[in-house]
Amino acid sequence: MSKKVVKITNYCTILQQSIIDKGSYGYGIEKIIVNDGDGQEEIRFMYEKNTVRGRHLVARPLDLPEQDLIELLDKAIQEKLFSKDFINKLKEILNK
């Protein structure tokens, strides 16, 4: 794999992260490759919270107010988490 790896877990290899820290919790978008999958890159929305053992990923969907979602998407775009092709297709959808 030629890409820089942020972290390898039992489930996936994290290639890139855009995370917004809100103190006792954080949320983000990650570019991952599922370890037992076909090697295709995937986008994962994630939520993590502080526990007595540190900050841990919460295994449930990410629910956000629209303004926080806009902030997160903006950060991920600025950090070039998404491919240019994805951004161009998104622009096409928004311009319809």
PDB file of N, CA and C in Angstrom:
ATOM      1  N   MET A   1       0.863  -1.170   0.000  1.00  0.00           N
ATOM      2  CA  MET A   1       0.000   0.000   0.000  1.00  0.00           C
ATOM      3  C   MET A   1       0.905   1.227   0.000  1.00  0.00           C
ATOM      4  N   SER A   2       0.722   2.118  -0.940  1.00  0.00           N
ATOM      5  CA  SER A   2       1.597   3.272  -1.080  1.00  0.00           C
ATOM      6  C   SER A   2       1.144   4.462  -0.239  1.00  0.00           C
ATOM      7  N   LYS A   3      -0.033   4.408   0.312  1.00  0.00           N
ATOM      8  CA  LYS A   3      -0.552   5.527   1.090  1.00  0.00           C
ATOM      9  C   LYS A   3      -0.032   5.477   2.519  1.00  0.00           C
ATOM     10  N   LYS A   4       0.096   6.654   3.129  1.00  0.00           N
ATOM     11  CA  LYS A   4       0.492   6.733   4.528  1.00  0.00           C
ATOM     12  C   LYS A   4      -0.646   6.183   5.385  1.00  0.00           C
ATOM     13  N   VAL A   5      -0.306   5.375   6.354  1.00  0.00           N
ATOM     14  CA  VAL A   5      -1.295   4.755   7.223  1.00  0.00           C
ATOM     15  C   VAL A   5      -1.328   5.509   8.544  1.00  0.00           C
ATOM     16  N   VAL A   6      -2.546   5.908   8.976  1.00  0.00           N
ATOM     17  CA  VAL A   6      -2.720   6.587  10.255  1.00  0.00           C
ATOM     18  C   VAL A   6      -2.729   5.562  11.381  1.00  0.00           C
ATOM     19  N   LYS A   7      -3.470   4.468  11.171  1.00  0.00           N
ATOM     20  CA  LYS A   7      -3.633   3.467  12.228  1.00  0.00           C
ATOM     21  C   LYS A   7      -4.146   2.178  11.605  1.00  0.00           C
ATOM     22  N   ILE A   8      -3.735   1.060  12.168  1.00  0.00           N
ATOM     23  CA  ILE A   8      -4.253  -0.249  11.757  1.00  0.00           C
ATOM     24  C   ILE A   8      -4.964  -0.853  12.965  1.00  0.00           C
ATOM     25  N   THR A   9      -6.224  -1.251  12.768  1.00  0.00           N
ATOM     26  CA  THR A   9      -6.990  -1.913  13.820  1.00  0.00           C
ATOM     27  C   THR A   9      -7.325  -3.325  13.353  1.00  0.00           C
ATOM     28  N   ASN A  10      -7.968  -4.095  14.213  1.00  0.00           N
ATOM     29  CA  ASN A  10      -8.400  -5.433  13.800  1.00  0.00           C
ATOM     30  C   ASN A  10      -9.389  -5.367  12.652  1.00  0.00           C
ATOM     31  N   TYR A  11     -10.181  -4.291  12.591  1.00  0.00           N
ATOM     32  CA  TYR A  11     -11.227  -4.158  11.582  1.00  0.00           C
ATOM     33  C   TYR A  11     -10.732  -3.541  10.283  1.00  0.00           C
ATOM     34  N   CYS A  12      -9.923  -2.470  10.380  1.00  0.00           N
ATOM     35  CA  CYS A  12      -9.578  -1.743   9.167  1.00  0.00           C
ATOM     36  C   CYS A  12      -8.226  -1.051   9.284  1.00  0.00           C
ATOM     37  N   THR A  13      -7.764  -0.571   8.133  1.00  0.00           N
ATOM     38  CA  THR A  13      -6.593   0.282   8.057  1.00  0.00           C
ATOM     39  C   THR A  13      -7.092   1.697   7.801  1.00  0.00           C
ATOM     40  N   ILE A  14      -6.752   2.632   8.689  1.00  0.00           N
ATOM     41  CA  ILE A  14      -7.194   4.021   8.554  1.00  0.00           C
ATOM     42  C   ILE A  14      -6.132   4.777   7.768  1.00  0.00           C
ATOM     43  N   LEU A  15      -6.524   5.283   6.594  1.00  0.00           N
ATOM     44  CA  LEU A  15      -5.604   6.001   5.725  1.00  0.00           C
ATOM     45  C   LEU A  15      -5.562   7.492   6.021  1.00  0.00           C
ATOM     46  N   GLN A  16      -6.702   8.049   6.399  1.00  0.00           N
ATOM     47  CA  GLN A  16      -6.773   9.487   6.658  1.00  0.00           C
ATOM     48  C   GLN A  16      -7.959   9.764   7.560  1.00  0.00           C
ATOM     49  N   GLN A  17      -7.845  10.829   8.389  1.00  0.00           N
ATOM     50  CA  GLN A  17      -8.922  11.210   9.302  1.00  0.00           C
ATOM     51  C   GLN A  17      -9.092  12.719   9.290  1.00  0.00           C
ATOM     52  N   SER A  18     -10.329  13.159   9.385  1.00  0.00           N
ATOM     53  CA  SER A  18     -10.663  14.550   9.687  1.00  0.00           C
ATOM     54  C   SER A  18     -11.580  14.482  10.899  1.00  0.00           C
ATOM     55  N   ILE A  19     -11.090  14.956  12.039  1.00  0.00           N
ATOM     56  CA  ILE A  19     -11.826  14.829  13.300  1.00  0.00           C
ATOM     57  C   ILE A  19     -12.005  16.199  13.927  1.00  0.00           C
ATOM     58  N   ILE A  20     -13.199  16.464  14.424  1.00  0.00           N
ATOM     59  CA  ILE A  20     -13.493  17.684  15.164  1.00  0.00           C
ATOM     60  C   ILE A  20     -13.651  17.295  16.628  1.00  0.00           C
ATOM     61  N   ASP A  21     -12.828  17.904  17.478  1.00  0.00           N
ATOM     62  CA  ASP A  21     -12.821  17.598  18.907  1.00  0.00           C
ATOM     63  C   ASP A  21     -13.795  18.533  19.621  1.00  0.00           C
ATOM     64  N   LYS A  22     -14.742  17.968  20.343  1.00  0.00           N
ATOM     65  CA  LYS A  22     -15.735  18.739  21.093  1.00  0.00           C
ATOM     66  C   LYS A  22     -15.575  18.527  22.597  1.00  0.00           C
ATOM     67  N   GLY A  23     -14.345  18.303  23.034  1.00  0.00           N
ATOM     68  CA  GLY A  23     -14.102  18.125  24.467  1.00  0.00           C
ATOM     69  C   GLY A  23     -14.240  16.682  24.893  1.00  0.00           C
ATOM     70  N   SER A  24     -15.380  16.314  25.457  1.00  0.00           N
ATOM     71  CA  SER A  24     -15.574  14.949  25.932  1.00  0.00           C
ATOM     72  C   SER A  24     -15.968  13.983  24.820  1.00  0.00           C
ATOM     73  N   TYR A  25     -16.156  14.486  23.627  1.00  0.00           N
ATOM     74  CA  TYR A  25     -16.437  13.626  22.481  1.00  0.00           C
ATOM     75  C   TYR A  25     -15.859  14.266  21.222  1.00  0.00           C
ATOM     76  N   GLY A  26     -15.795  13.481  20.181  1.00  0.00           N
ATOM     77  CA  GLY A  26     -15.326  13.965  18.892  1.00  0.00           C
ATOM     78  C   GLY A  26     -16.032  13.206  17.798  1.00  0.00           C
ATOM     79  N   TYR A  27     -16.061  13.784  16.612  1.00  0.00           N
ATOM     80  CA  TYR A  27     -16.644  13.098  15.471  1.00  0.00           C
ATOM     81  C   TYR A  27     -15.813  13.379  14.250  1.00  0.00           C
ATOM     82  N   GLY A  28     -15.923  12.497  13.270  1.00  0.00           N
ATOM     83  CA  GLY A  28     -15.072  12.682  12.114  1.00  0.00           C
ATOM     84  C   GLY A  28     -15.468  11.845  10.920  1.00  0.00           C
ATOM     85  N   ILE A  29     -14.669  12.019   9.887  1.00  0.00           N
ATOM     86  CA  ILE A  29     -14.779  11.247   8.656  1.00  0.00           C
ATOM     87  C   ILE A  29     -13.422  10.603   8.436  1.00  0.00           C
ATOM     88  N   GLU A  30     -13.430   9.323   8.111  1.00  0.00           N
ATOM     89  CA  GLU A  30     -12.190   8.604   7.879  1.00  0.00           C
ATOM     90  C   GLU A  30     -12.206   7.929   6.517  1.00  0.00           C
ATOM     91  N   LYS A  31     -11.047   7.860   5.903  1.00  0.00           N
ATOM     92  CA  LYS A  31     -10.863   7.052   4.704  1.00  0.00           C
ATOM     93  C   LYS A  31     -10.214   5.764   5.180  1.00  0.00           C
ATOM     94  N   ILE A  32     -10.864   4.631   4.930  1.00  0.00           N
ATOM     95  CA  ILE A  32     -10.399   3.348   5.465  1.00  0.00           C
ATOM     96  C   ILE A  32     -10.358   2.285   4.368  1.00  0.00           C
ATOM     97  N   ILE A  33      -9.647   1.206   4.677  1.00  0.00           N
ATOM     98  CA  ILE A  33      -9.718  -0.029   3.907  1.00  0.00           C
ATOM     99  C   ILE A  33     -10.050  -1.124   4.907  1.00  0.00           C
ATOM    100  N   VAL A  34     -11.170  -1.814   4.696  1.00  0.00           N
ATOM    101  CA  VAL A  34     -11.572  -2.899   5.590  1.00  0.00           C
ATOM    102  C   VAL A  34     -10.594  -4.051   5.385  1.00  0.00           C
ATOM    103  N   ASN A  35     -10.030  -4.548   6.469  1.00  0.00           N
ATOM    104  CA  ASN A  35      -8.949  -5.531   6.377  1.00  0.00           C
ATOM    105  C   ASN A  35      -9.352  -6.823   5.680  1.00  0.00           C
ATOM    106  N   ASP A  36     -10.554  -7.313   5.897  1.00  0.00           N
ATOM    107  CA  ASP A  36     -10.952  -8.564   5.238  1.00  0.00           C
ATOM    108  C   ASP A  36     -11.811  -8.306   4.003  1.00  0.00           C
ATOM    109  N   GLY A  37     -11.744  -7.105   3.468  1.00  0.00           N
ATOM    110  CA  GLY A  37     -12.515  -6.745   2.276  1.00  0.00           C
ATOM    111  C   GLY A  37     -11.703  -6.931   1.012  1.00  0.00           C
ATOM    112  N   ASP A  38     -12.138  -6.249  -0.040  1.00  0.00           N
ATOM    113  CA  ASP A  38     -11.498  -6.391  -1.353  1.00  0.00           C
ATOM    114  C   ASP A  38     -10.418  -5.343  -1.624  1.00  0.00           C
ATOM    115  N   GLY A  39     -10.026  -4.576  -0.595  1.00  0.00           N
ATOM    116  CA  GLY A  39      -8.989  -3.570  -0.757  1.00  0.00           C
ATOM    117  C   GLY A  39      -9.490  -2.215  -1.211  1.00  0.00           C
ATOM    118  N   GLN A  40     -10.798  -2.094  -1.400  1.00  0.00           N
ATOM    119  CA  GLN A  40     -11.381  -0.832  -1.846  1.00  0.00           C
ATOM    120  C   GLN A  40     -11.415   0.172  -0.704  1.00  0.00           C
ATOM    121  N   GLU A  41     -11.061   1.430  -1.014  1.00  0.00           N
ATOM    122  CA  GLU A  41     -11.149   2.487  -0.015  1.00  0.00           C
ATOM    123  C   GLU A  41     -12.616   2.802   0.256  1.00  0.00           C
ATOM    124  N   GLU A  42     -12.921   3.054   1.527  1.00  0.00           N
ATOM    125  CA  GLU A  42     -14.275   3.393   1.943  1.00  0.00           C
ATOM    126  C   GLU A  42     -14.225   4.641   2.812  1.00  0.00           C
ATOM    127  N   ILE A  43     -15.355   5.341   2.911  1.00  0.00           N
ATOM    128  CA  ILE A  43     -15.495   6.505   3.778  1.00  0.00           C
ATOM    129  C   ILE A  43     -16.329   6.083   4.986  1.00  0.00           C
ATOM    130  N   ARG A  44     -15.831   6.391   6.180  1.00  0.00           N
ATOM    131  CA  ARG A  44     -16.554   6.034   7.398  1.00  0.00           C
ATOM    132  C   ARG A  44     -16.782   7.293   8.233  1.00  0.00           C
ATOM    133  N   PHE A  45     -18.033   7.507   8.631  1.00  0.00           N
ATOM    134  CA  PHE A  45     -18.358   8.546   9.604  1.00  0.00           C
ATOM    135  C   PHE A  45     -18.176   7.920  10.978  1.00  0.00           C
ATOM    136  N   MET A  46     -17.495   8.632  11.873  1.00  0.00           N
ATOM    137  CA  MET A  46     -17.210   8.041  13.177  1.00  0.00           C
ATOM    138  C   MET A  46     -17.525   9.008  14.305  1.00  0.00           C
ATOM    139  N   TYR A  47     -17.742   8.422  15.473  1.00  0.00           N
ATOM    140  CA  TYR A  47     -18.025   9.166  16.702  1.00  0.00           C
ATOM    141  C   TYR A  47     -17.224   8.514  17.811  1.00  0.00           C
ATOM    142  N   GLU A  48     -16.544   9.320  18.610  1.00  0.00           N
ATOM    143  CA  GLU A  48     -15.790   8.785  19.729  1.00  0.00           C
ATOM    144  C   GLU A  48     -16.071   9.613  20.970  1.00  0.00           C
ATOM    145  N   LYS A  49     -15.965   8.961  22.140  1.00  0.00           N
ATOM    146  CA  LYS A  49     -16.226   9.694  23.381  1.00  0.00           C
ATOM    147  C   LYS A  49     -15.223   9.277  24.434  1.00  0.00           C
ATOM    148  N   ASN A  50     -15.048  10.162  25.419  1.00  0.00           N
ATOM    149  CA  ASN A  50     -14.145   9.882  26.529  1.00  0.00           C
ATOM    150  C   ASN A  50     -14.805   8.909  27.491  1.00  0.00           C
ATOM    151  N   THR A  51     -14.021   7.955  27.949  1.00  0.00           N
ATOM    152  CA  THR A  51     -14.451   7.024  28.987  1.00  0.00           C
ATOM    153  C   THR A  51     -13.368   7.031  30.068  1.00  0.00           C
ATOM    154  N   VAL A  52     -13.547   6.265  31.110  1.00  0.00           N
ATOM    155  CA  VAL A  52     -12.538   6.200  32.160  1.00  0.00           C
ATOM    156  C   VAL A  52     -11.232   5.604  31.634  1.00  0.00           C
ATOM    157  N   ARG A  53     -11.289   4.865  30.523  1.00  0.00           N
ATOM    158  CA  ARG A  53     -10.093   4.249  29.941  1.00  0.00           C
ATOM    159  C   ARG A  53      -9.521   5.067  28.784  1.00  0.00           C
ATOM    160  N   GLY A  54     -10.024   6.274  28.553  1.00  0.00           N
ATOM    161  CA  GLY A  54      -9.543   7.101  27.441  1.00  0.00           C
ATOM    162  C   GLY A  54     -10.622   7.297  26.397  1.00  0.00           C
ATOM    163  N   ARG A  55     -10.245   7.815  25.252  1.00  0.00           N
ATOM    164  CA  ARG A  55     -11.210   8.070  24.181  1.00  0.00           C
ATOM    165  C   ARG A  55     -11.388   6.821  23.336  1.00  0.00           C
ATOM    166  N   HIS A  56     -12.649   6.443  23.096  1.00  0.00           N
ATOM    167  CA  HIS A  56     -12.939   5.219  22.355  1.00  0.00           C
ATOM    168  C   HIS A  56     -13.976   5.466  21.268  1.00  0.00           C
ATOM    169  N   LEU A  57     -13.800   4.737  20.163  1.00  0.00           N
ATOM    170  CA  LEU A  57     -14.742   4.764  19.057  1.00  0.00           C
ATOM    171  C   LEU A  57     -16.062   4.152  19.502  1.00  0.00           C
ATOM    172  N   VAL A  58     -17.158   4.797  19.171  1.00  0.00           N
ATOM    173  CA  VAL A  58     -18.490   4.303  19.507  1.00  0.00           C
ATOM    174  C   VAL A  58     -19.055   3.627  18.263  1.00  0.00           C
ATOM    175  N   ALA A  59     -19.484   2.388  18.428  1.00  0.00           N
ATOM    176  CA  ALA A  59     -19.977   1.604  17.296  1.00  0.00           C
ATOM    177  C   ALA A  59     -21.457   1.865  17.068  1.00  0.00           C
ATOM    178  N   ARG A  60     -21.769   3.050  16.542  1.00  0.00           N
ATOM    179  CA  ARG A  60     -23.142   3.400  16.178  1.00  0.00           C
ATOM    180  C   ARG A  60     -23.070   4.527  15.152  1.00  0.00           C
ATOM    181  N   PRO A  61     -24.146   4.793  14.456  1.00  0.00           N
ATOM    182  CA  PRO A  61     -24.111   5.844  13.434  1.00  0.00           C
ATOM    183  C   PRO A  61     -23.813   7.217  14.026  1.00  0.00           C
ATOM    184  N   LEU A  62     -23.293   8.066  13.205  1.00  0.00           N
ATOM    185  CA  LEU A  62     -22.987   9.437  13.594  1.00  0.00           C
ATOM    186  C   LEU A  62     -24.206  10.310  13.332  1.00  0.00           C
ATOM    187  N   ASP A  63     -24.724  10.935  14.362  1.00  0.00           N
ATOM    188  CA  ASP A  63     -25.857  11.854  14.254  1.00  0.00           C
ATOM    189  C   ASP A  63     -25.356  13.247  14.602  1.00  0.00           C
ATOM    190  N   LEU A  64     -25.561  14.191  13.690  1.00  0.00           N
ATOM    191  CA  LEU A  64     -25.069  15.551  13.900  1.00  0.00           C
ATOM    192  C   LEU A  64     -26.107  16.577  13.496  1.00  0.00           C
ATOM    193  N   PRO A  65     -26.116  17.734  14.163  1.00  0.00           N
ATOM    194  CA  PRO A  65     -26.893  18.858  13.647  1.00  0.00           C
ATOM    195  C   PRO A  65     -26.294  19.280  12.300  1.00  0.00           C
ATOM    196  N   GLU A  66     -27.103  19.851  11.423  1.00  0.00           N
ATOM    197  CA  GLU A  66     -26.630  20.235  10.092  1.00  0.00           C
ATOM    198  C   GLU A  66     -25.393  21.124  10.150  1.00  0.00           C
ATOM    199  N   GLN A  67     -25.349  22.085  11.076  1.00  0.00           N
ATOM    200  CA  GLN A  67     -24.210  22.998  11.142  1.00  0.00           C
ATOM    201  C   GLN A  67     -22.914  22.250  11.474  1.00  0.00           C
ATOM    202  N   ASP A  68     -22.976  21.276  12.373  1.00  0.00           N
ATOM    203  CA  ASP A  68     -21.789  20.489  12.695  1.00  0.00           C
ATOM    204  C   ASP A  68     -21.378  19.612  11.508  1.00  0.00           C
ATOM    205  N   LEU A  69     -22.354  19.075  10.784  1.00  0.00           N
ATOM    206  CA  LEU A  69     -22.039  18.276   9.600  1.00  0.00           C
ATOM    207  C   LEU A  69     -21.351  19.134   8.546  1.00  0.00           C
ATOM    208  N   ILE A  70     -21.827  20.365   8.349  1.00  0.00           N
ATOM    209  CA  ILE A  70     -21.185  21.285   7.405  1.00  0.00           C
ATOM    210  C   ILE A  70     -19.747  21.553   7.840  1.00  0.00           C
ATOM    211  N   GLU A  71     -19.541  21.797   9.135  1.00  0.00           N
ATOM    212  CA  GLU A  71     -18.190  22.055   9.657  1.00  0.00           C
ATOM    213  C   GLU A  71     -17.275  20.852   9.403  1.00  0.00           C
ATOM    214  N   LEU A  72     -17.796  19.648   9.636  1.00  0.00           N
ATOM    215  CA  LEU A  72     -17.012  18.440   9.442  1.00  0.00           C
ATOM    216  C   LEU A  72     -16.690  18.217   7.963  1.00  0.00           C
ATOM    217  N   LEU A  73     -17.684  18.380   7.092  1.00  0.00           N
ATOM    218  CA  LEU A  73     -17.438  18.209   5.664  1.00  0.00           C
ATOM    219  C   LEU A  73     -16.423  19.229   5.162  1.00  0.00           C
ATOM    220  N   ASP A  74     -16.543  20.482   5.626  1.00  0.00           N
ATOM    221  CA  ASP A  74     -15.596  21.520   5.230  1.00  0.00           C
ATOM    222  C   ASP A  74     -14.177  21.135   5.641  1.00  0.00           C
ATOM    223  N   LYS A  75     -14.024  20.648   6.863  1.00  0.00           N
ATOM    224  CA  LYS A  75     -12.697  20.247   7.345  1.00  0.00           C
ATOM    225  C   LYS A  75     -12.139  19.099   6.508  1.00  0.00           C
ATOM    226  N   ALA A  76     -12.958  18.103   6.228  1.00  0.00           N
ATOM    227  CA  ALA A  76     -12.506  16.956   5.436  1.00  0.00           C
ATOM    228  C   ALA A  76     -12.108  17.389   4.026  1.00  0.00           C
ATOM    229  N   ILE A  77     -12.854  18.313   3.441  1.00  0.00           N
ATOM    230  CA  ILE A  77     -12.522  18.815   2.101  1.00  0.00           C
ATOM    231  C   ILE A  77     -11.220  19.604   2.152  1.00  0.00           C
ATOM    232  N   GLN A  78     -11.067  20.484   3.143  1.00  0.00           N
ATOM    233  CA  GLN A  78      -9.835  21.276   3.273  1.00  0.00           C
ATOM    234  C   GLN A  78      -8.612  20.374   3.496  1.00  0.00           C
ATOM    235  N   GLU A  79      -8.791  19.269   4.188  1.00  0.00           N
ATOM    236  CA  GLU A  79      -7.686  18.338   4.453  1.00  0.00           C
ATOM    237  C   GLU A  79      -7.510  17.317   3.334  1.00  0.00           C
ATOM    238  N   LYS A  80      -8.265  17.509   2.242  1.00  0.00           N
ATOM    239  CA  LYS A  80      -8.168  16.661   1.043  1.00  0.00           C
ATOM    240  C   LYS A  80      -8.403  15.179   1.334  1.00  0.00           C
ATOM    241  N   LEU A  81      -9.363  14.898   2.221  1.00  0.00           N
ATOM    242  CA  LEU A  81      -9.726  13.522   2.510  1.00  0.00           C
ATOM    243  C   LEU A  81     -10.443  12.892   1.311  1.00  0.00           C
ATOM    244  N   PHE A  82     -11.276  13.663   0.639  1.00  0.00           N
ATOM    245  CA  PHE A  82     -12.028  13.165  -0.512  1.00  0.00           C
ATOM    246  C   PHE A  82     -11.225  13.336  -1.792  1.00  0.00           C
ATOM    247  N   SER A  83     -11.429  12.418  -2.735  1.00  0.00           N
ATOM    248  CA  SER A  83     -10.749  12.518  -4.036  1.00  0.00           C
ATOM    249  C   SER A  83     -11.332  13.676  -4.845  1.00  0.00           C
ATOM    250  N   LYS A  84     -10.575  14.150  -5.826  1.00  0.00           N
ATOM    251  CA  LYS A  84     -11.054  15.214  -6.704  1.00  0.00           C
ATOM    252  C   LYS A  84     -12.290  14.755  -7.471  1.00  0.00           C
ATOM    253  N   ASP A  85     -12.311  13.491  -7.859  1.00  0.00           N
ATOM    254  CA  ASP A  85     -13.471  12.951  -8.577  1.00  0.00           C
ATOM    255  C   ASP A  85     -14.725  13.037  -7.712  1.00  0.00           C
ATOM    256  N   PHE A  86     -14.613  12.683  -6.435  1.00  0.00           N
ATOM    257  CA  PHE A  86     -15.750  12.763  -5.518  1.00  0.00           C
ATOM    258  C   PHE A  86     -16.231  14.201  -5.389  1.00  0.00           C
ATOM    259  N   ILE A  87     -15.300  15.137  -5.201  1.00  0.00           N
ATOM    260  CA  ILE A  87     -15.655  16.557  -5.064  1.00  0.00           C
ATOM    261  C   ILE A  87     -16.346  17.056  -6.322  1.00  0.00           C
ATOM    262  N   ASN A  88     -15.842  16.690  -7.484  1.00  0.00           N
ATOM    263  CA  ASN A  88     -16.466  17.126  -8.744  1.00  0.00           C
ATOM    264  C   ASN A  88     -17.873  16.566  -8.893  1.00  0.00           C
ATOM    265  N   LYS A  89     -18.073  15.306  -8.524  1.00  0.00           N
ATOM    266  CA  LYS A  89     -19.410  14.719  -8.599  1.00  0.00           C
ATOM    267  C   LYS A  89     -20.354  15.381  -7.585  1.00  0.00           C
ATOM    268  N   LEU A  90     -19.838  15.706  -6.420  1.00  0.00           N
ATOM    269  CA  LEU A  90     -20.639  16.397  -5.432  1.00  0.00           C
ATOM    270  C   LEU A  90     -21.054  17.785  -5.937  1.00  0.00           C
ATOM    271  N   LYS A  91     -20.133  18.482  -6.566  1.00  0.00           N
ATOM    272  CA  LYS A  91     -20.450  19.793  -7.157  1.00  0.00           C
ATOM    273  C   LYS A  91     -21.563  19.662  -8.196  1.00  0.00           C
ATOM    274  N   GLU A  92     -21.477  18.633  -9.032  1.00  0.00           N
ATOM    275  CA  GLU A  92     -22.509  18.397 -10.045  1.00  0.00           C
ATOM    276  C   GLU A  92     -23.878  18.207  -9.393  1.00  0.00           C
ATOM    277  N   ILE A  93     -23.912  17.423  -8.343  1.00  0.00           N
ATOM    278  CA  ILE A  93     -25.184  17.174  -7.638  1.00  0.00           C
ATOM    279  C   ILE A  93     -25.718  18.472  -7.060  1.00  0.00           C
ATOM    280  N   LEU A  94     -24.863  19.264  -6.426  1.00  0.00           N
ATOM    281  CA  LEU A  94     -25.292  20.506  -5.777  1.00  0.00           C
ATOM    282  C   LEU A  94     -25.713  21.564  -6.783  1.00  0.00           C
ATOM    283  N   ASN A  95     -25.189  21.498  -7.990  1.00  0.00           N
ATOM    284  CA  ASN A  95     -25.522  22.483  -9.015  1.00  0.00           C
ATOM    285  C   ASN A  95     -26.748  22.125  -9.840  1.00  0.00           C
ATOM    286  N   LYS A  96     -27.384  21.012  -9.551  1.00  0.00           N
ATOM    287  CA  LYS A  96     -28.578  20.600 -10.293  1.00  0.00           C
ATOM    288  C   LYS A  96     -29.753  21.496  -9.923  1.00  0.00           C
TER     289      LYS A  96
END
